[in-house]
Amino acid sequence: MTRALMIQGTGSNVGKSMLVAGLCRAARARGMTVAPFKPQNMSNNAAVTADGGEIGRAQALQALACGLEPMTDMNPVLLKPETDTGAQVVVQGRARGNWLARDYTGEKPNLMAPVLQSFHRLAAPVDLVLVEGAGSPAEVNLRKGDIANMGFARAAGVPVVLVGDIDRGGVIAQIIGTQAVLDPADAAMIRGFAINKFRGDPRLFDDGYALIARTTGWPGFGVIPWFDGAHRLPAEDAVDLGGPQGSGGFHIACPMLSRIANFDDLDPLKLEPGVRLSMIPPGSPLPGDADLVILPGTKSTRGDLAFLRDQGWDVDLAAHLRRGGRVLGLCGGYQMLGKRILDPEGLEGPAGETEALGLLDLETTMAPQKTLTRVTATHAATGTPLHGYEIHIGQTDGPDRTRPFALVDGARPEGAVSACGRIAGSYLHGLFGEDGFRRAWLAGLGVAGGPLSHGAAVEQTLDALARHLETHMDLDALFAAADRV
């Protein structure tokens, strides 16, 4: 029978996603068949599955660590924030609608059935399921109707390992305090703890480690040093986006929109020796020395268009083009480049239309049906084949579409390019992960691409992460803690 183990954290961003990916690869290296699972995720970084659904990007990476195709059952509930108080709710890969947080709280208990259905369907053919929690079980104000942490663990009978983040400080209180606020039956699901993101000599934490074990009665599974290769793996949360990456002469700037989505599109560019990629935070201007500005995807095109203008980035963009710079819009960024965005059904706010940037002669009309598809295409300018995926609402058309960015299946025009050739837009995500296309595209910009194989780099990093965990954790004891489900 299948065994399962759940990794929960003392808070958000303690490294749960990366740990589950590493544990998946380590279990696979030990000869187990293993699958990842996250009952509920909140992220605008999504992946399209082979069956035409969507899941969180972290679960797609974890699937890769397991040697599996991403499946909707790996992340049955995905929340994609559109405002501070509302999100699109995706259940088993399909959008259910846009709900306010207070409405979702009432509906959440009804989602336990599809969560358990997906879990058991996923678990049936494998030896081990590694489950990732969300946020923290210490958020006991959210315990009623919980499907993400202890609510799921109790319902599915899955034991838990609690992970604390020592890098942010207070890890002793994180773990002991979590036990203190948990219901005793929830606390009984925890089989042990681990400490993540340690910098320096781990022996200096011996006394703290012993204090946690003595006070909680839980065994420790290890102190995990900071993993230097983490930046080579796709990030799921925008909070993980940092400053300039790389030191090449070709400068690419990307504004960090308030609902930025699928920003892992840019990850392969960070590793190119001829490229310097800067993620520009709110409150900072677009740099005057940028050669290319990439407008990224967004979960709320109209809202982030207003956000872009509030930051003055539209003015910066106009100055960038006057200096002879280039612009590439991806997905929502592509929609922003047109003249108007029509939203007759009010899918992104009040029904109406929004004046866009007017850099391409196009209009976008929002419609309820979401496009979710994997794509094989040819880059029009270089003739280079590429693979990507589309995940968006809205259809875009206009005169500049006669100059497509790519041809899907060798025939259907996709995206658009301006008459001057310096402004382009495309709905395709994941295109820079294609090594041949990335090199050809960079060559067209006068940049010599390096020998990097991005896919191979990710695989090597997952292998290194698995070895890192084997070295610093008691994985024999940890995997033995998994229960049959």
Protein backbone atom coordinates (compact mmCIF):
# COMPACT_ATOMS: atom_id res chain seq x y z
CA MET A 1 0.00 0.00 0.00
CA THR A 2 0.98 3.60 -0.54
CA ARG A 3 2.60 5.56 2.27
CA ALA A 4 2.36 9.31 2.73
CA LEU A 5 4.07 12.07 4.69
CA MET A 6 3.22 15.75 4.92
CA ILE A 7 5.68 18.65 5.22
CA GLN A 8 4.15 21.60 7.07
CA GLY A 9 5.89 24.83 8.00
CA THR A 10 5.88 27.16 10.97
CA GLY A 11 5.07 29.95 8.49
CA SER A 12 4.99 30.89 4.84
CA ASN A 13 8.20 30.79 2.80
CA VAL A 14 10.08 28.48 5.17
CA GLY A 15 11.16 26.40 2.16
CA LYS A 16 8.42 23.73 2.06
CA SER A 17 8.17 23.65 -1.73
CA MET A 18 11.90 23.21 -2.23
CA LEU A 19 12.15 20.60 0.53
CA VAL A 20 9.35 18.52 -0.98
CA ALA A 21 11.03 18.74 -4.40
CA GLY A 22 14.32 17.58 -2.90
CA LEU A 23 12.67 14.79 -0.92
CA CYS A 24 10.84 13.66 -4.04
CA ARG A 25 14.14 13.39 -5.93
CA ALA A 26 15.84 11.67 -2.95
CA ALA A 27 13.01 9.10 -2.66
CA ARG A 28 13.20 8.46 -6.39
CA ALA A 29 16.97 7.96 -6.13
CA ARG A 30 16.28 5.33 -3.47
CA GLY A 31 14.15 3.41 -5.96
CA MET A 32 10.70 4.50 -4.78
CA THR A 33 7.91 5.63 -7.04
CA VAL A 34 6.82 8.94 -5.57
CA ALA A 35 4.31 11.71 -6.33
CA PRO A 36 3.88 15.25 -4.92
CA PHE A 37 0.62 16.62 -3.58
CA LYS A 38 -0.53 19.98 -2.26
CA PRO A 39 -4.19 20.16 -1.21
CA GLN A 40 -4.47 23.94 -1.54
CA ASN A 41 -2.01 26.36 -3.05
CA MET A 42 -2.10 30.13 -3.47
CA SER A 43 0.00 31.32 -6.37
CA ASN A 44 -0.23 33.17 -9.67
CA ASN A 45 2.65 31.09 -10.99
CA ALA A 46 0.87 28.19 -12.65
CA ALA A 47 1.70 25.35 -15.03
CA VAL A 48 -0.51 23.75 -17.67
CA THR A 49 -0.92 19.99 -17.30
CA ALA A 50 -1.08 17.44 -20.08
CA ASP A 51 -4.84 17.07 -19.51
CA GLY A 52 -5.41 20.79 -20.10
CA GLY A 53 -5.75 21.93 -16.49
CA GLU A 54 -3.57 24.12 -14.28
CA ILE A 55 -1.67 23.60 -11.04
CA GLY A 56 0.84 25.58 -8.99
CA ARG A 57 4.31 25.90 -10.49
CA ALA A 58 5.87 24.32 -7.39
CA GLN A 59 3.93 21.09 -7.94
CA ALA A 60 5.07 21.01 -11.58
CA LEU A 61 8.68 21.24 -10.37
CA GLN A 62 8.02 18.53 -7.78
CA ALA A 63 6.52 16.34 -10.52
CA LEU A 64 9.74 16.80 -12.50
CA ALA A 65 11.70 15.73 -9.42
CA CYS A 66 9.60 12.55 -9.37
CA GLY A 67 10.02 11.92 -13.10
CA LEU A 68 6.28 12.44 -13.67
CA GLU A 69 4.14 14.55 -15.96
CA PRO A 70 2.31 17.30 -14.00
CA MET A 71 -1.29 16.27 -13.26
CA THR A 72 -4.21 18.28 -11.92
CA ASP A 73 -4.59 15.83 -9.02
CA MET A 74 -1.24 17.02 -7.66
CA ASN A 75 -2.80 20.37 -6.66
CA PRO A 76 -6.60 20.07 -6.57
CA VAL A 77 -7.28 23.58 -5.20
CA LEU A 78 -5.35 26.55 -6.59
CA LEU A 79 -6.12 30.11 -5.50
CA LYS A 80 -4.93 32.82 -7.91
CA PRO A 81 -5.11 36.23 -6.19
CA GLU A 82 -6.62 39.03 -8.28
CA THR A 83 -7.07 41.63 -5.52
CA ASP A 84 -6.11 41.90 -1.85
CA THR A 85 -9.43 40.32 -0.88
CA GLY A 86 -10.35 38.05 -3.79
CA ALA A 87 -8.99 35.27 -5.98
CA GLN A 88 -9.87 33.01 -8.84
CA VAL A 89 -10.55 29.52 -7.44
CA VAL A 90 -9.33 26.59 -9.55
CA VAL A 91 -10.58 23.12 -8.55
CA GLN A 92 -9.02 20.02 -10.10
CA GLY A 93 -7.53 22.14 -12.85
CA ARG A 94 -10.65 24.12 -13.80
CA ALA A 95 -11.66 27.64 -12.76
CA ARG A 96 -14.73 27.67 -10.50
CA GLY A 97 -15.05 31.46 -10.41
CA ASN A 98 -13.77 34.51 -8.58
CA TRP A 99 -14.49 34.53 -4.85
CA LEU A 100 -13.93 37.02 -2.07
CA ALA A 101 -11.91 35.68 0.86
CA ARG A 102 -14.92 35.74 3.18
CA ASP A 103 -16.97 33.72 0.67
CA TYR A 104 -14.18 31.20 0.18
CA THR A 105 -14.03 30.61 3.94
CA GLY A 106 -17.62 29.41 3.82
CA GLU A 107 -17.12 27.28 0.72
CA LYS A 108 -13.83 25.73 1.77
CA PRO A 109 -15.27 22.72 3.67
CA ASN A 110 -17.08 21.66 0.48
CA LEU A 111 -13.71 21.31 -1.25
CA MET A 112 -12.43 18.57 1.05
CA ALA A 113 -14.21 15.93 -1.05
CA PRO A 114 -12.41 16.77 -4.32
CA VAL A 115 -9.15 17.18 -2.39
CA LEU A 116 -9.41 13.67 -0.95
CA GLN A 117 -10.57 12.28 -4.29
CA SER A 118 -7.47 13.70 -6.01
CA PHE A 119 -5.19 12.51 -3.21
CA HIS A 120 -6.36 8.90 -3.29
CA ARG A 121 -6.39 8.80 -7.09
CA LEU A 122 -2.81 10.13 -7.15
CA ALA A 123 -1.67 7.77 -4.40
CA ALA A 124 -2.99 4.55 -5.90
CA PRO A 125 -0.11 3.74 -8.30
CA VAL A 126 2.90 4.96 -6.25
CA ASP A 127 4.91 3.90 -3.22
CA LEU A 128 5.02 7.30 -1.53
CA VAL A 129 3.14 10.60 -1.66
CA LEU A 130 4.92 13.65 -0.27
CA VAL A 131 2.39 16.30 0.71
CA GLU A 132 3.12 20.02 1.07
CA GLY A 133 1.14 22.16 3.48
CA ALA A 134 0.29 25.83 3.01
CA GLY A 135 1.07 28.70 5.35
CA SER A 136 1.17 27.30 8.87
CA PRO A 137 -0.93 25.03 11.11
CA ALA A 138 -0.35 27.63 13.84
CA GLU A 139 -2.94 29.83 12.09
CA VAL A 140 -5.54 28.23 14.31
CA ASN A 141 -8.04 30.98 13.50
CA LEU A 142 -8.29 29.27 10.08
CA ARG A 143 -8.55 25.73 11.47
CA LYS A 144 -12.31 25.40 11.00
CA GLY A 145 -12.89 23.91 7.56
CA ASP A 146 -9.14 23.69 6.91
CA ILE A 147 -8.13 21.68 3.85
CA ALA A 148 -4.50 22.82 3.58
CA ASN A 149 -2.80 21.66 6.79
CA MET A 150 -4.09 19.72 9.78
CA GLY A 151 -7.61 19.49 8.37
CA PHE A 152 -6.25 17.50 5.47
CA ALA A 153 -3.73 15.55 7.58
CA ARG A 154 -6.46 14.38 9.93
CA ALA A 155 -8.95 13.58 7.15
CA ALA A 156 -6.44 11.60 5.09
CA GLY A 157 -4.51 10.08 8.01
CA VAL A 158 -1.19 11.55 6.87
CA PRO A 159 1.52 12.20 9.50
CA VAL A 160 3.36 15.50 9.55
CA VAL A 161 6.92 16.81 9.77
CA LEU A 162 7.07 20.42 10.97
CA VAL A 163 9.75 22.65 9.39
CA GLY A 164 11.05 25.89 10.89
CA ASP A 165 13.08 28.62 9.16
CA ILE A 166 16.10 29.61 11.24
CA ASP A 167 17.17 32.28 8.75
CA ARG A 168 14.33 34.58 9.80
CA GLY A 169 15.13 34.11 13.51
CA GLY A 170 13.15 32.76 16.43
CA VAL A 171 13.02 29.18 15.20
CA ILE A 172 12.84 27.72 18.73
CA ALA A 173 9.72 29.76 19.44
CA GLN A 174 8.37 28.93 15.97
CA ILE A 175 8.30 25.21 16.66
CA ILE A 176 7.54 25.15 20.37
CA GLY A 177 4.93 27.88 19.91
CA THR A 178 3.24 25.93 17.13
CA GLN A 179 2.84 22.95 19.43
CA ALA A 180 1.49 25.21 22.16
CA VAL A 181 -1.38 26.58 20.06
CA LEU A 182 -2.37 23.36 18.29
CA ASP A 183 -5.31 21.25 19.32
CA PRO A 184 -3.85 18.13 21.01
CA ALA A 185 -5.30 15.86 18.33
CA ASP A 186 -3.64 17.98 15.63
CA ALA A 187 -0.34 18.05 17.52
CA ALA A 188 -0.48 14.26 17.72
CA MET A 189 -0.19 14.11 13.90
CA ILE A 190 3.35 15.56 14.07
CA ARG A 191 6.11 12.94 13.97
CA GLY A 192 9.07 15.29 14.24
CA PHE A 193 10.66 18.55 13.14
CA ALA A 194 13.44 19.89 10.94
CA ILE A 195 15.32 23.17 10.82
CA ASN A 196 15.80 24.78 7.41
CA LYS A 197 18.05 27.52 5.93
CA PHE A 198 20.85 27.37 8.49
CA ARG A 199 23.93 29.53 7.76
CA GLY A 200 27.25 28.87 9.46
CA ASP A 201 28.34 26.00 11.73
CA PRO A 202 25.26 23.88 12.59
CA ARG A 203 26.95 22.64 15.78
CA LEU A 204 26.29 26.07 17.22
CA PHE A 205 22.60 25.15 17.25
CA ASP A 206 23.04 21.85 19.10
CA ASP A 207 21.64 23.22 22.37
CA GLY A 208 18.65 24.83 20.64
CA TYR A 209 17.95 21.64 18.71
CA ALA A 210 18.04 19.60 21.92
CA LEU A 211 15.76 22.13 23.67
CA ILE A 212 13.13 21.82 20.93
CA ALA A 213 13.23 18.02 21.08
CA ARG A 214 13.09 17.98 24.90
CA THR A 215 10.26 20.51 25.15
CA THR A 216 8.03 19.16 22.37
CA GLY A 217 8.83 15.47 22.71
CA TRP A 218 9.29 15.37 18.93
CA PRO A 219 12.43 13.91 17.36
CA GLY A 220 14.50 16.05 15.03
CA PHE A 221 15.16 14.97 11.46
CA GLY A 222 18.04 17.36 10.89
CA VAL A 223 19.41 20.89 10.52
CA ILE A 224 19.51 21.75 6.82
CA PRO A 225 22.12 24.30 5.74
CA TRP A 226 21.21 27.01 3.25
CA PHE A 227 21.08 25.50 -0.25
CA ASP A 228 23.03 27.78 -2.58
CA GLY A 229 21.45 26.33 -5.71
CA ALA A 230 17.91 27.41 -4.79
CA HIS A 231 17.99 30.34 -7.23
CA ARG A 232 18.39 27.87 -10.12
CA LEU A 233 14.96 26.39 -9.42
CA PRO A 234 11.70 28.10 -10.44
CA ALA A 235 10.36 30.33 -7.66
CA GLU A 236 6.67 30.19 -6.88
CA ASP A 237 6.23 33.33 -4.80
CA ALA A 238 6.95 36.86 -5.98
CA VAL A 239 8.52 37.49 -2.55
CA ASP A 240 11.43 35.34 -3.78
CA LEU A 241 12.23 37.68 -6.66
CA GLY A 242 15.47 39.51 -6.03
CA GLY A 243 17.57 42.24 -7.60
CA PRO A 244 19.88 42.05 -10.61
CA GLN A 245 20.87 38.56 -11.77
CA GLY A 246 23.93 38.01 -13.92
CA SER A 247 26.57 40.47 -15.06
CA GLY A 248 26.31 40.39 -18.86
CA GLY A 249 26.32 43.46 -21.05
CA PHE A 250 22.74 43.12 -22.36
CA HIS A 251 20.42 44.58 -19.73
CA ILE A 252 16.84 43.25 -19.45
CA ALA A 253 14.47 44.98 -17.03
CA CYS A 254 11.17 43.52 -15.84
CA PRO A 255 8.75 45.56 -13.68
CA MET A 256 7.31 43.61 -10.74
CA LEU A 257 3.59 44.08 -11.29
CA SER A 258 1.31 43.75 -8.27
CA ARG A 259 -0.26 40.51 -9.63
CA ILE A 260 2.78 39.29 -11.56
CA ALA A 261 2.24 35.76 -12.87
CA ASN A 262 4.38 33.03 -14.43
CA PHE A 263 7.52 35.04 -13.79
CA ASP A 264 9.56 31.84 -13.99
CA ASP A 265 9.40 32.51 -17.75
CA LEU A 266 12.50 34.65 -17.18
CA ASP A 267 14.54 32.13 -15.17
CA PRO A 268 16.56 30.81 -18.14
CA LEU A 269 17.64 34.36 -19.01
CA LYS A 270 19.16 34.82 -15.54
CA LEU A 271 21.68 32.09 -16.30
CA GLU A 272 22.84 33.45 -19.66
CA PRO A 273 26.39 34.87 -19.42
CA GLY A 274 25.65 37.73 -21.80
CA VAL A 275 22.54 38.91 -19.93
CA ARG A 276 21.88 40.99 -16.83
CA LEU A 277 18.27 40.66 -15.65
CA SER A 278 16.81 43.21 -13.22
CA MET A 279 13.45 42.73 -11.51
CA ILE A 280 12.27 46.28 -10.81
CA PRO A 281 10.28 46.66 -7.57
CA PRO A 282 7.46 49.16 -7.07
CA GLY A 283 8.76 52.62 -6.28
CA SER A 284 11.79 52.29 -8.56
CA PRO A 285 12.01 53.62 -12.12
CA LEU A 286 12.76 51.43 -15.09
CA PRO A 287 16.54 51.74 -15.57
CA GLY A 288 17.69 54.08 -18.29
CA ASP A 289 20.40 51.67 -19.47
CA ALA A 290 17.98 48.81 -20.17
CA ASP A 291 18.26 47.34 -23.67
CA LEU A 292 14.98 45.43 -23.36
CA VAL A 293 11.95 45.78 -21.09
CA ILE A 294 9.83 42.67 -20.61
CA LEU A 295 6.26 43.21 -19.42
CA PRO A 296 5.45 39.93 -17.67
CA GLY A 297 2.24 37.99 -17.23
CA THR A 298 -0.32 39.12 -14.68
CA LYS A 299 -3.45 37.70 -13.11
CA SER A 300 -5.22 41.05 -13.51
CA THR A 301 -4.31 42.88 -16.71
CA ARG A 302 -6.56 45.90 -16.17
CA GLY A 303 -5.59 46.23 -12.50
CA ASP A 304 -1.88 45.92 -13.21
CA LEU A 305 -2.13 48.36 -16.10
CA ALA A 306 -3.37 50.92 -13.57
CA PHE A 307 -0.59 49.82 -11.19
CA LEU A 308 2.01 50.27 -13.96
CA ARG A 309 0.79 53.82 -14.56
CA ASP A 310 0.73 54.59 -10.83
CA GLN A 311 4.43 53.69 -10.71
CA GLY A 312 5.21 55.96 -13.67
CA TRP A 313 6.47 52.98 -15.62
CA ASP A 314 4.43 54.00 -18.68
CA VAL A 315 6.46 57.23 -18.83
CA ASP A 316 9.69 55.27 -18.36
CA LEU A 317 8.62 52.89 -21.11
CA ALA A 318 8.01 55.75 -23.55
CA ALA A 319 11.47 57.17 -22.77
CA HIS A 320 13.01 53.72 -23.21
CA LEU A 321 11.52 53.46 -26.70
CA ARG A 322 12.67 56.97 -27.63
CA ARG A 323 16.20 55.86 -26.76
CA GLY A 324 15.85 52.98 -29.23
CA GLY A 325 15.08 50.27 -26.65
CA ARG A 326 13.00 47.15 -27.20
CA VAL A 327 9.86 45.87 -25.47
CA LEU A 328 8.47 42.34 -25.19
CA GLY A 329 5.08 41.69 -23.61
CA LEU A 330 4.19 38.19 -22.41
CA CYS A 331 0.55 37.18 -21.89
CA GLY A 332 -0.98 39.98 -19.78
CA GLY A 333 1.99 42.15 -20.73
CA TYR A 334 1.12 41.49 -24.38
CA GLN A 335 -2.46 42.60 -23.75
CA MET A 336 -1.17 45.83 -22.19
CA LEU A 337 0.77 46.71 -25.34
CA GLY A 338 -2.40 47.14 -27.41
CA LYS A 339 -4.75 50.12 -27.69
CA ARG A 340 -7.71 48.94 -25.64
CA ILE A 341 -8.78 46.16 -23.29
CA LEU A 342 -12.51 45.45 -23.50
CA ASP A 343 -14.13 43.72 -20.54
CA PRO A 344 -17.87 43.64 -21.29
CA GLU A 345 -18.67 41.09 -18.55
CA GLY A 346 -16.58 42.71 -15.83
CA LEU A 347 -14.22 39.75 -15.41
CA GLU A 348 -11.42 41.97 -14.08
CA GLY A 349 -13.42 44.62 -12.27
CA PRO A 350 -16.31 46.84 -13.34
CA ALA A 351 -17.54 46.10 -16.86
CA GLY A 352 -16.13 48.51 -19.42
CA GLU A 353 -12.92 49.17 -21.26
CA THR A 354 -9.42 50.36 -20.36
CA GLU A 355 -7.09 52.36 -22.50
CA ALA A 356 -3.90 50.35 -22.92
CA LEU A 357 -0.38 51.52 -23.76
CA GLY A 358 -1.02 51.89 -27.48
CA LEU A 359 2.34 50.45 -28.52
CA LEU A 360 0.79 47.81 -30.79
CA ASP A 361 -2.25 48.23 -33.05
CA LEU A 362 -4.34 45.63 -31.23
CA GLU A 363 -7.39 45.23 -28.99
CA THR A 364 -8.06 42.55 -26.40
CA THR A 365 -11.56 41.39 -25.45
CA MET A 366 -11.91 39.52 -22.16
CA ALA A 367 -14.18 36.47 -22.16
CA PRO A 368 -14.96 33.88 -19.46
CA GLN A 369 -13.45 30.89 -21.23
CA LYS A 370 -9.83 30.38 -20.24
CA THR A 371 -7.26 29.21 -22.76
CA LEU A 372 -5.21 26.37 -21.25
CA THR A 373 -3.06 24.56 -23.77
CA ARG A 374 0.43 23.35 -24.51
CA VAL A 375 1.80 24.70 -27.78
CA THR A 376 4.33 23.71 -30.43
CA ALA A 377 5.32 26.69 -32.55
CA THR A 378 7.95 28.24 -34.79
CA HIS A 379 9.46 31.64 -34.03
CA ALA A 380 8.61 33.76 -37.06
CA ALA A 381 11.77 35.87 -37.07
CA THR A 382 14.32 33.04 -36.81
CA GLY A 383 12.42 29.94 -37.92
CA THR A 384 13.38 28.26 -34.66
CA PRO A 385 10.99 25.65 -33.20
CA LEU A 386 9.81 26.09 -29.64
CA HIS A 387 7.42 24.60 -27.11
CA GLY A 388 5.41 26.60 -24.62
CA TYR A 389 1.98 26.91 -23.09
CA GLU A 390 -0.91 29.38 -22.99
CA ILE A 391 -2.85 30.22 -19.84
CA HIS A 392 -5.03 33.31 -20.17
CA ILE A 393 -8.47 34.78 -20.62
CA GLY A 394 -9.11 37.17 -23.47
CA GLN A 395 -8.50 37.17 -27.22
CA THR A 396 -6.28 39.71 -28.96
CA ASP A 397 -6.57 40.87 -32.55
CA GLY A 398 -5.71 43.82 -34.80
CA PRO A 399 -3.57 44.92 -37.76
CA ASP A 400 -0.22 44.19 -36.08
CA ARG A 401 -1.19 40.52 -35.91
CA THR A 402 -0.26 40.34 -39.60
CA ARG A 403 3.32 40.33 -38.29
CA PRO A 404 3.12 37.38 -35.87
CA PHE A 405 5.64 36.59 -33.17
CA ALA A 406 5.28 32.86 -33.86
CA LEU A 407 3.35 30.35 -35.96
CA VAL A 408 1.58 27.64 -33.95
CA ASP A 409 1.74 24.20 -35.56
CA GLY A 410 3.51 25.90 -38.44
CA ALA A 411 0.42 27.83 -39.54
CA ARG A 412 -1.68 29.73 -36.98
CA PRO A 413 -0.33 33.25 -36.32
CA GLU A 414 0.43 33.91 -32.65
CA GLY A 415 1.37 37.22 -31.06
CA ALA A 416 2.36 40.40 -32.89
CA VAL A 417 5.37 42.54 -33.81
CA SER A 418 5.41 46.28 -34.52
CA ALA A 419 6.35 47.63 -37.95
CA CYS A 420 9.67 48.88 -36.52
CA GLY A 421 10.39 45.42 -35.09
CA ARG A 422 11.33 46.73 -31.63
CA ILE A 423 8.00 45.94 -29.90
CA ALA A 424 6.61 42.41 -29.70
CA GLY A 425 4.03 40.49 -27.75
CA SER A 426 3.10 36.84 -27.29
CA TYR A 427 0.76 34.67 -25.23
CA LEU A 428 3.37 31.92 -25.05
CA HIS A 429 4.85 31.04 -21.66
CA GLY A 430 7.92 28.88 -21.12
CA LEU A 431 9.51 29.79 -24.45
CA PHE A 432 12.89 30.80 -22.99
CA GLY A 433 13.28 27.32 -21.53
CA GLU A 434 13.82 26.12 -25.10
CA ASP A 435 17.59 26.32 -25.52
CA GLY A 436 17.62 26.62 -29.32
CA PHE A 437 14.98 29.33 -29.40
CA ARG A 438 16.60 31.30 -26.56
CA ARG A 439 19.97 31.34 -28.32
CA ALA A 440 18.45 32.32 -31.67
CA TRP A 441 16.32 35.04 -30.06
CA LEU A 442 19.31 36.45 -28.17
CA ALA A 443 21.42 36.34 -31.33
CA GLY A 444 18.79 38.48 -33.05
CA LEU A 445 19.37 41.03 -30.29
CA GLY A 446 23.13 40.92 -30.77
CA VAL A 447 23.77 38.73 -27.71
CA ALA A 448 25.81 35.54 -27.90
CA GLY A 449 24.00 32.81 -26.00
CA GLY A 450 25.96 30.50 -23.73
CA PRO A 451 26.15 26.69 -23.82
CA LEU A 452 23.57 26.40 -21.04
CA SER A 453 20.90 23.73 -21.25
CA HIS A 454 18.28 25.10 -18.90
CA GLY A 455 16.47 21.77 -18.51
CA ALA A 456 19.72 20.00 -17.68
CA ALA A 457 20.60 22.74 -15.18
CA VAL A 458 17.29 22.24 -13.33
CA GLU A 459 17.77 18.46 -13.29
CA GLN A 460 21.32 18.82 -11.94
CA THR A 461 20.10 21.22 -9.27
CA LEU A 462 17.40 18.77 -8.16
CA ASP A 463 20.02 16.04 -7.91
CA ALA A 464 22.26 18.34 -5.87
CA LEU A 465 19.34 19.24 -3.59
CA ALA A 466 18.58 15.56 -3.00
CA ARG A 467 22.22 14.92 -2.06
CA HIS A 468 22.13 17.98 0.22
CA LEU A 469 19.15 16.53 2.10
CA GLU A 470 20.70 13.06 2.25
CA THR A 471 23.78 14.61 3.87
CA HIS A 472 22.04 16.78 6.44
CA MET A 473 18.82 14.94 7.30
CA ASP A 474 18.04 11.51 8.71
CA LEU A 475 16.06 10.44 5.66
CA ASP A 476 15.87 6.81 6.82
CA ALA A 477 13.92 7.95 9.87
CA LEU A 478 11.95 10.55 7.95
CA PHE A 479 10.71 8.16 5.26
CA ALA A 480 10.00 5.56 7.96
CA ALA A 481 7.65 8.10 9.58
CA ALA A 482 5.33 7.92 6.57
CA ASP A 483 2.10 6.01 7.22
CA ARG A 484 0.01 3.82 4.96
CA VAL A 485 -3.02 5.59 3.47
